[in-house]
Amino acid sequence: MPDPANTGEPARTDETDTDAPTGGDDSVADIDPGPAFDDPRDRPNLVLGGSGGDELKGYMGDDTLIGGTGDDRLIAGDGDDVLLGDGGADTLEGGWGDDLLIGGDGADLLQGGWGDDVLHGRDADAGFDYLNGGAGDDVLIGGAGDNLNGGGGADLFDIERDFDGTIDDLEPQDRIQLSYTGDTPPALSTQTCAEGVTLYADNERLAFFRGLTELDVGRIELHAG
């Protein structure tokens, strides 16, 4: 993470063989020309990756980082940042603010930072994502086959009927929200084994809670639609 006290670092860093990150493996830190004598790191910036494996970094503003189609690494800064991995197997890392991390297509790693972050792993493809909320009261939105770990804080696990993934580190202060379609809510049941508790919806496997010895289905918040 960039050091906020380091004012000697240039506002634009491009370690690629071209000025525009369109095809290679690029490393770009907070691109924004900005007016003269104004540090663009303090303002919102839009940073775009290309088709290669890019490394994009935010700084002190509320930045938006979009990785592109390669296997990218996106690193939030001090503001309330938006990180979108897009295509590829991406790594998204939250910072000090309340960040929004969206994996996109591919098997992505989403790591929340110190703020109250939203980690979104639900997408149209079958990529198995890993979401770790980190510190703060985070929202983890899981897709099919994802692995969710809330970290510290009071976290919300948001899943759907096709989740069939794993939830680690469920704490008493955490919440579980299950969205379903139709007029009738699913009948929930559990089965315990040595490794944890499996949650079923209408006798179909819904989620595995690793490390739990029991799970009260009354904790599950059911939402239609």
C-alpha atoms as a PDB file:
ATOM      1  CA  MET A   1       0.000   0.000   0.000  1.00  0.00           C
ATOM      2  CA  PRO A   2       1.395   3.461  -0.822  1.00  0.00           C
ATOM      3  CA  ASP A   3       2.733   5.521   2.071  1.00  0.00           C
ATOM      4  CA  PRO A   4       0.520   8.641   2.418  1.00  0.00           C
ATOM      5  CA  ALA A   5       3.468  10.518   3.881  1.00  0.00           C
ATOM      6  CA  ASN A   6       5.634   9.894   0.825  1.00  0.00           C
ATOM      7  CA  THR A   7       5.167  13.075  -1.221  1.00  0.00           C
ATOM      8  CA  GLY A   8       8.286  12.521  -3.280  1.00  0.00           C
ATOM      9  CA  GLU A   9       6.768   9.765  -5.415  1.00  0.00           C
ATOM     10  CA  PRO A  10       5.711  10.918  -8.887  1.00  0.00           C
ATOM     11  CA  ALA A  11       1.996  11.171  -9.566  1.00  0.00           C
ATOM     12  CA  ARG A  12       2.232   8.961 -12.650  1.00  0.00           C
ATOM     13  CA  THR A  13       4.264   5.792 -12.891  1.00  0.00           C
ATOM     14  CA  ASP A  14       4.285   3.654 -16.035  1.00  0.00           C
ATOM     15  CA  GLU A  15       6.735   0.767 -16.109  1.00  0.00           C
ATOM     16  CA  THR A  16       5.494  -0.656 -19.388  1.00  0.00           C
ATOM     17  CA  ASP A  17       7.044  -0.546 -22.826  1.00  0.00           C
ATOM     18  CA  THR A  18       4.183   1.624 -24.092  1.00  0.00           C
ATOM     19  CA  ASP A  19       2.425   4.674 -22.680  1.00  0.00           C
ATOM     20  CA  ALA A  20      -1.048   3.129 -22.933  1.00  0.00           C
ATOM     21  CA  PRO A  21      -1.583  -0.232 -21.150  1.00  0.00           C
ATOM     22  CA  THR A  22      -3.124  -2.097 -24.072  1.00  0.00           C
ATOM     23  CA  GLY A  23      -1.285  -5.374 -24.546  1.00  0.00           C
ATOM     24  CA  GLY A  24       1.674  -6.055 -22.261  1.00  0.00           C
ATOM     25  CA  ASP A  25       2.110  -6.787 -18.580  1.00  0.00           C
ATOM     26  CA  ASP A  26       1.773  -3.300 -17.141  1.00  0.00           C
ATOM     27  CA  SER A  27       2.330  -1.603 -13.801  1.00  0.00           C
ATOM     28  CA  VAL A  28       0.440   1.644 -13.502  1.00  0.00           C
ATOM     29  CA  ALA A  29      -0.021   3.838 -10.445  1.00  0.00           C
ATOM     30  CA  ASP A  30      -2.899   6.326 -10.454  1.00  0.00           C
ATOM     31  CA  ILE A  31      -2.936   7.745 -13.994  1.00  0.00           C
ATOM     32  CA  ASP A  32      -4.401  11.258 -14.207  1.00  0.00           C
ATOM     33  CA  PRO A  33      -2.607  14.224 -15.744  1.00  0.00           C
ATOM     34  CA  GLY A  34      -4.439  16.846 -13.673  1.00  0.00           C
ATOM     35  CA  PRO A  35      -3.786  20.591 -13.722  1.00  0.00           C
ATOM     36  CA  ALA A  36      -0.346  21.967 -12.996  1.00  0.00           C
ATOM     37  CA  PHE A  37       0.688  22.208  -9.336  1.00  0.00           C
ATOM     38  CA  ASP A  38      -2.162  19.930  -8.307  1.00  0.00           C
ATOM     39  CA  ASP A  39      -1.354  16.474  -6.962  1.00  0.00           C
ATOM     40  CA  PRO A  40      -3.708  14.047  -8.765  1.00  0.00           C
ATOM     41  CA  ARG A  41      -3.239  11.472  -6.026  1.00  0.00           C
ATOM     42  CA  ASP A  42      -5.617  13.491  -3.823  1.00  0.00           C
ATOM     43  CA  ARG A  43      -8.488  13.372  -6.345  1.00  0.00           C
ATOM     44  CA  PRO A  44     -10.614  10.591  -7.829  1.00  0.00           C
ATOM     45  CA  ASN A  45      -8.836   8.839 -10.679  1.00  0.00           C
ATOM     46  CA  LEU A  46      -9.765   6.244 -13.299  1.00  0.00           C
ATOM     47  CA  VAL A  47      -7.059   3.655 -13.973  1.00  0.00           C
ATOM     48  CA  LEU A  48      -7.541   1.220 -16.866  1.00  0.00           C
ATOM     49  CA  GLY A  49      -5.615  -1.962 -17.582  1.00  0.00           C
ATOM     50  CA  GLY A  50      -5.238  -3.666 -20.931  1.00  0.00           C
ATOM     51  CA  SER A  51      -5.219  -7.206 -22.243  1.00  0.00           C
ATOM     52  CA  GLY A  52      -2.059  -8.248 -20.370  1.00  0.00           C
ATOM     53  CA  GLY A  53      -1.427  -9.015 -16.715  1.00  0.00           C
ATOM     54  CA  ASP A  54      -1.565  -5.527 -15.202  1.00  0.00           C
ATOM     55  CA  GLU A  55      -0.803  -4.132 -11.747  1.00  0.00           C
ATOM     56  CA  LEU A  56      -2.925  -1.071 -10.972  1.00  0.00           C
ATOM     57  CA  LYS A  57      -2.698   1.002  -7.794  1.00  0.00           C
ATOM     58  CA  GLY A  58      -4.803   3.726  -6.265  1.00  0.00           C
ATOM     59  CA  TYR A  59      -3.661   6.451  -3.892  1.00  0.00           C
ATOM     60  CA  MET A  60      -5.480   8.937  -1.656  1.00  0.00           C
ATOM     61  CA  GLY A  61      -8.500   9.783  -3.817  1.00  0.00           C
ATOM     62  CA  ASP A  62     -11.633   7.737  -4.418  1.00  0.00           C
ATOM     63  CA  ASP A  63     -10.226   5.813  -7.362  1.00  0.00           C
ATOM     64  CA  THR A  64     -11.688   3.375  -9.898  1.00  0.00           C
ATOM     65  CA  LEU A  65      -9.379   0.599 -11.129  1.00  0.00           C
ATOM     66  CA  ILE A  66     -10.447  -1.671 -14.013  1.00  0.00           C
ATOM     67  CA  GLY A  67      -8.142  -4.558 -14.840  1.00  0.00           C
ATOM     68  CA  GLY A  68      -9.091  -5.652 -18.343  1.00  0.00           C
ATOM     69  CA  THR A  69      -8.930  -9.161 -19.768  1.00  0.00           C
ATOM     70  CA  GLY A  70      -5.613 -10.406 -18.324  1.00  0.00           C
ATOM     71  CA  ASP A  71      -4.702 -11.850 -14.926  1.00  0.00           C
ATOM     72  CA  ASP A  72      -4.454  -8.553 -13.061  1.00  0.00           C
ATOM     73  CA  ARG A  73      -3.560  -7.270  -9.614  1.00  0.00           C
ATOM     74  CA  LEU A  74      -5.533  -4.256  -8.392  1.00  0.00           C
ATOM     75  CA  ILE A  75      -4.500  -2.513  -5.176  1.00  0.00           C
ATOM     76  CA  ALA A  76      -6.734   0.075  -3.520  1.00  0.00           C
ATOM     77  CA  GLY A  77      -5.319   3.164  -1.857  1.00  0.00           C
ATOM     78  CA  ASP A  78      -6.544   5.346   0.991  1.00  0.00           C
ATOM     79  CA  GLY A  79      -9.884   6.449  -0.483  1.00  0.00           C
ATOM     80  CA  ASP A  80     -13.178   4.663  -0.998  1.00  0.00           C
ATOM     81  CA  ASP A  81     -12.122   2.835  -4.147  1.00  0.00           C
ATOM     82  CA  VAL A  82     -13.858   0.665  -6.759  1.00  0.00           C
ATOM     83  CA  LEU A  83     -11.843  -2.285  -8.098  1.00  0.00           C
ATOM     84  CA  LEU A  84     -13.146  -4.288 -11.060  1.00  0.00           C
ATOM     85  CA  GLY A  85     -11.090  -7.274 -12.140  1.00  0.00           C
ATOM     86  CA  ASP A  86     -13.057  -7.845 -15.361  1.00  0.00           C
ATOM     87  CA  GLY A  87     -11.737 -10.919 -17.267  1.00  0.00           C
ATOM     88  CA  GLY A  88      -8.950 -13.224 -16.126  1.00  0.00           C
ATOM     89  CA  ALA A  89      -7.923 -14.674 -12.765  1.00  0.00           C
ATOM     90  CA  ASP A  90      -7.476 -11.444 -10.834  1.00  0.00           C
ATOM     91  CA  THR A  91      -6.253 -10.411  -7.385  1.00  0.00           C
ATOM     92  CA  LEU A  92      -8.056  -7.446  -5.829  1.00  0.00           C
ATOM     93  CA  GLU A  93      -6.771  -5.908  -2.594  1.00  0.00           C
ATOM     94  CA  GLY A  94      -8.715  -3.377  -0.545  1.00  0.00           C
ATOM     95  CA  GLY A  95      -7.072  -0.476   1.241  1.00  0.00           C
ATOM     96  CA  TRP A  96      -7.898   1.881   4.093  1.00  0.00           C
ATOM     97  CA  GLY A  97     -11.266   3.084   2.793  1.00  0.00           C
ATOM     98  CA  ASP A  98     -14.668   1.477   2.347  1.00  0.00           C
ATOM     99  CA  ASP A  99     -13.946  -0.246  -0.951  1.00  0.00           C
ATOM    100  CA  LEU A 100     -16.019  -2.122  -3.538  1.00  0.00           C
ATOM    101  CA  LEU A 101     -14.243  -5.148  -5.035  1.00  0.00           C
ATOM    102  CA  ILE A 102     -15.847  -6.909  -8.020  1.00  0.00           C
ATOM    103  CA  GLY A 103     -14.052  -9.947  -9.353  1.00  0.00           C
ATOM    104  CA  GLY A 104     -15.731 -10.338 -12.743  1.00  0.00           C
ATOM    105  CA  ASP A 105     -15.131 -13.425 -14.875  1.00  0.00           C
ATOM    106  CA  GLY A 106     -12.480 -15.956 -13.871  1.00  0.00           C
ATOM    107  CA  ALA A 107     -11.301 -17.471 -10.583  1.00  0.00           C
ATOM    108  CA  ASP A 108     -10.508 -14.361  -8.559  1.00  0.00           C
ATOM    109  CA  LEU A 109      -9.003 -13.533  -5.162  1.00  0.00           C
ATOM    110  CA  LEU A 110     -10.720 -10.651  -3.365  1.00  0.00           C
ATOM    111  CA  GLN A 111      -9.040  -9.406  -0.196  1.00  0.00           C
ATOM    112  CA  GLY A 112     -10.749  -6.664   1.784  1.00  0.00           C
ATOM    113  CA  GLY A 113      -8.786  -4.028   3.653  1.00  0.00           C
ATOM    114  CA  TRP A 114      -9.333  -2.022   6.819  1.00  0.00           C
ATOM    115  CA  GLY A 115     -12.676  -0.456   5.939  1.00  0.00           C
ATOM    116  CA  ASP A 116     -16.235  -1.709   5.655  1.00  0.00           C
ATOM    117  CA  ASP A 117     -15.860  -3.292   2.231  1.00  0.00           C
ATOM    118  CA  VAL A 118     -18.182  -4.963  -0.272  1.00  0.00           C
ATOM    119  CA  LEU A 119     -16.686  -8.004  -2.020  1.00  0.00           C
ATOM    120  CA  HIS A 120     -18.651  -9.233  -5.030  1.00  0.00           C
ATOM    121  CA  GLY A 121     -17.804 -12.676  -6.389  1.00  0.00           C
ATOM    122  CA  ARG A 122     -21.117 -13.441  -8.069  1.00  0.00           C
ATOM    123  CA  ASP A 123     -20.827 -13.473 -11.868  1.00  0.00           C
ATOM    124  CA  ALA A 124     -22.089 -15.296 -14.921  1.00  0.00           C
ATOM    125  CA  ASP A 125     -19.157 -17.684 -15.278  1.00  0.00           C
ATOM    126  CA  ALA A 126     -18.236 -20.703 -13.155  1.00  0.00           C
ATOM    127  CA  GLY A 127     -15.001 -19.285 -11.738  1.00  0.00           C
ATOM    128  CA  PHE A 128     -14.454 -20.316  -8.131  1.00  0.00           C
ATOM    129  CA  ASP A 129     -13.547 -17.138  -6.250  1.00  0.00           C
ATOM    130  CA  TYR A 130     -12.003 -16.660  -2.809  1.00  0.00           C
ATOM    131  CA  LEU A 131     -13.316 -13.708  -0.800  1.00  0.00           C
ATOM    132  CA  ASN A 132     -11.733 -12.539   2.460  1.00  0.00           C
ATOM    133  CA  GLY A 133     -13.300  -9.514   4.085  1.00  0.00           C
ATOM    134  CA  GLY A 134     -10.357  -8.519   6.263  1.00  0.00           C
ATOM    135  CA  ALA A 135     -10.976  -5.992   9.026  1.00  0.00           C
ATOM    136  CA  GLY A 136     -14.241  -4.053   9.201  1.00  0.00           C
ATOM    137  CA  ASP A 137     -17.912  -4.907   8.829  1.00  0.00           C
ATOM    138  CA  ASP A 138     -17.928  -6.334   5.325  1.00  0.00           C
ATOM    139  CA  VAL A 139     -20.474  -7.671   2.829  1.00  0.00           C
ATOM    140  CA  LEU A 140     -19.405 -10.799   0.944  1.00  0.00           C
ATOM    141  CA  ILE A 141     -21.543 -11.659  -2.088  1.00  0.00           C
ATOM    142  CA  GLY A 142     -20.798 -15.223  -3.088  1.00  0.00           C
ATOM    143  CA  GLY A 143     -21.294 -16.929  -6.423  1.00  0.00           C
ATOM    144  CA  ALA A 144     -21.516 -20.617  -7.237  1.00  0.00           C
ATOM    145  CA  GLY A 145     -18.632 -22.574  -5.714  1.00  0.00           C
ATOM    146  CA  ASP A 146     -16.997 -19.595  -3.994  1.00  0.00           C
ATOM    147  CA  ASN A 147     -15.108 -19.660  -0.696  1.00  0.00           C
ATOM    148  CA  LEU A 148     -16.036 -16.866   1.734  1.00  0.00           C
ATOM    149  CA  ASN A 149     -14.122 -15.749   4.824  1.00  0.00           C
ATOM    150  CA  GLY A 150     -15.397 -12.716   6.671  1.00  0.00           C
ATOM    151  CA  GLY A 151     -12.297 -11.903   8.700  1.00  0.00           C
ATOM    152  CA  GLY A 152     -12.770  -9.514  11.614  1.00  0.00           C
ATOM    153  CA  GLY A 153     -15.868  -7.439  12.247  1.00  0.00           C
ATOM    154  CA  ALA A 154     -19.586  -8.125  11.901  1.00  0.00           C
ATOM    155  CA  ASP A 155     -19.913  -9.411   8.347  1.00  0.00           C
ATOM    156  CA  LEU A 156     -22.826 -10.248   6.040  1.00  0.00           C
ATOM    157  CA  PHE A 157     -22.657 -13.336   3.826  1.00  0.00           C
ATOM    158  CA  ASP A 158     -25.010 -12.899   0.858  1.00  0.00           C
ATOM    159  CA  ILE A 159     -25.701 -16.145  -1.031  1.00  0.00           C
ATOM    160  CA  GLU A 160     -28.255 -17.600  -3.457  1.00  0.00           C
ATOM    161  CA  ARG A 161     -29.762 -21.066  -3.953  1.00  0.00           C
ATOM    162  CA  ASP A 162     -27.003 -22.109  -6.376  1.00  0.00           C
ATOM    163  CA  PHE A 163     -24.169 -21.095  -4.023  1.00  0.00           C
ATOM    164  CA  ASP A 164     -22.910 -24.591  -3.096  1.00  0.00           C
ATOM    165  CA  GLY A 165     -19.699 -23.060  -1.732  1.00  0.00           C
ATOM    166  CA  THR A 166     -17.834 -22.807   1.561  1.00  0.00           C
ATOM    167  CA  ILE A 167     -18.068 -20.246   4.357  1.00  0.00           C
ATOM    168  CA  ASP A 168     -15.186 -20.066   6.814  1.00  0.00           C
ATOM    169  CA  ASP A 169     -14.892 -18.161  10.051  1.00  0.00           C
ATOM    170  CA  LEU A 170     -18.599 -17.664  10.789  1.00  0.00           C
ATOM    171  CA  GLU A 171     -18.744 -15.677  14.037  1.00  0.00           C
ATOM    172  CA  PRO A 172     -21.727 -14.985  16.330  1.00  0.00           C
ATOM    173  CA  GLN A 173     -21.901 -11.359  15.148  1.00  0.00           C
ATOM    174  CA  ASP A 174     -22.028 -12.333  11.459  1.00  0.00           C
ATOM    175  CA  ARG A 175     -25.201 -12.566   9.377  1.00  0.00           C
ATOM    176  CA  ILE A 176     -26.235 -14.920   6.558  1.00  0.00           C
ATOM    177  CA  GLN A 177     -28.674 -13.775   3.888  1.00  0.00           C
ATOM    178  CA  LEU A 178     -30.209 -16.264   1.448  1.00  0.00           C
ATOM    179  CA  SER A 179     -32.070 -15.026  -1.623  1.00  0.00           C
ATOM    180  CA  TYR A 180     -34.556 -17.355  -3.303  1.00  0.00           C
ATOM    181  CA  THR A 181     -37.064 -17.202  -6.138  1.00  0.00           C
ATOM    182  CA  GLY A 182     -40.702 -18.245  -6.071  1.00  0.00           C
ATOM    183  CA  ASP A 183     -43.503 -17.804  -3.577  1.00  0.00           C
ATOM    184  CA  THR A 184     -42.399 -20.408  -1.027  1.00  0.00           C
ATOM    185  CA  PRO A 185     -39.207 -20.095   1.022  1.00  0.00           C
ATOM    186  CA  PRO A 186     -36.976 -23.176   1.026  1.00  0.00           C
ATOM    187  CA  ALA A 187     -37.000 -25.638   3.907  1.00  0.00           C
ATOM    188  CA  LEU A 188     -33.603 -25.470   5.603  1.00  0.00           C
ATOM    189  CA  SER A 189     -31.805 -28.312   7.367  1.00  0.00           C
ATOM    190  CA  THR A 190     -28.273 -29.121   8.478  1.00  0.00           C
ATOM    191  CA  GLN A 191     -25.925 -32.076   8.772  1.00  0.00           C
ATOM    192  CA  THR A 192     -22.842 -32.049  10.998  1.00  0.00           C
ATOM    193  CA  CYS A 193     -19.556 -33.844  10.385  1.00  0.00           C
ATOM    194  CA  ALA A 194     -16.075 -33.622  11.873  1.00  0.00           C
ATOM    195  CA  GLU A 195     -15.051 -30.788   9.523  1.00  0.00           C
ATOM    196  CA  GLY A 196     -18.130 -28.593   9.900  1.00  0.00           C
ATOM    197  CA  VAL A 197     -21.816 -28.181   9.095  1.00  0.00           C
ATOM    198  CA  THR A 198     -23.535 -28.590   5.726  1.00  0.00           C
ATOM    199  CA  LEU A 199     -26.629 -26.466   5.103  1.00  0.00           C
ATOM    200  CA  TYR A 200     -29.358 -27.837   2.832  1.00  0.00           C
ATOM    201  CA  ALA A 201     -32.261 -26.051   1.124  1.00  0.00           C
ATOM    202  CA  ASP A 202     -35.119 -28.381   0.188  1.00  0.00           C
ATOM    203  CA  ASN A 203     -32.682 -31.290   0.679  1.00  0.00           C
ATOM    204  CA  GLU A 204     -30.189 -29.818  -1.815  1.00  0.00           C
ATOM    205  CA  ARG A 205     -26.720 -28.838  -0.629  1.00  0.00           C
ATOM    206  CA  LEU A 206     -26.528 -25.073  -0.215  1.00  0.00           C
ATOM    207  CA  ALA A 207     -23.344 -24.295   1.743  1.00  0.00           C
ATOM    208  CA  PHE A 208     -20.635 -25.847   3.883  1.00  0.00           C
ATOM    209  CA  PHE A 209     -19.607 -24.010   7.062  1.00  0.00           C
ATOM    210  CA  ARG A 210     -16.092 -25.095   7.837  1.00  0.00           C
ATOM    211  CA  GLY A 211     -15.153 -25.426  11.497  1.00  0.00           C
ATOM    212  CA  LEU A 212     -18.670 -25.111  12.942  1.00  0.00           C
ATOM    213  CA  THR A 213     -20.030 -27.700  15.340  1.00  0.00           C
ATOM    214  CA  GLU A 214     -23.648 -26.573  14.936  1.00  0.00           C
ATOM    215  CA  LEU A 215     -25.714 -24.051  12.983  1.00  0.00           C
ATOM    216  CA  ASP A 216     -29.115 -22.684  13.959  1.00  0.00           C
ATOM    217  CA  VAL A 217     -31.088 -22.322  10.714  1.00  0.00           C
ATOM    218  CA  GLY A 218     -32.967 -19.495  12.414  1.00  0.00           C
ATOM    219  CA  ARG A 219     -29.873 -17.353  11.742  1.00  0.00           C
ATOM    220  CA  ILE A 220     -30.523 -17.533   8.009  1.00  0.00           C
ATOM    221  CA  GLU A 221     -32.302 -14.415   6.729  1.00  0.00           C
ATOM    222  CA  LEU A 222     -34.565 -15.402   3.818  1.00  0.00           C
ATOM    223  CA  HIS A 223     -35.197 -12.855   1.067  1.00  0.00           C
ATOM    224  CA  ALA A 224     -37.550 -13.454  -1.859  1.00  0.00           C
ATOM    225  CA  GLY A 225     -36.655 -12.211  -5.324  1.00  0.00           C
END
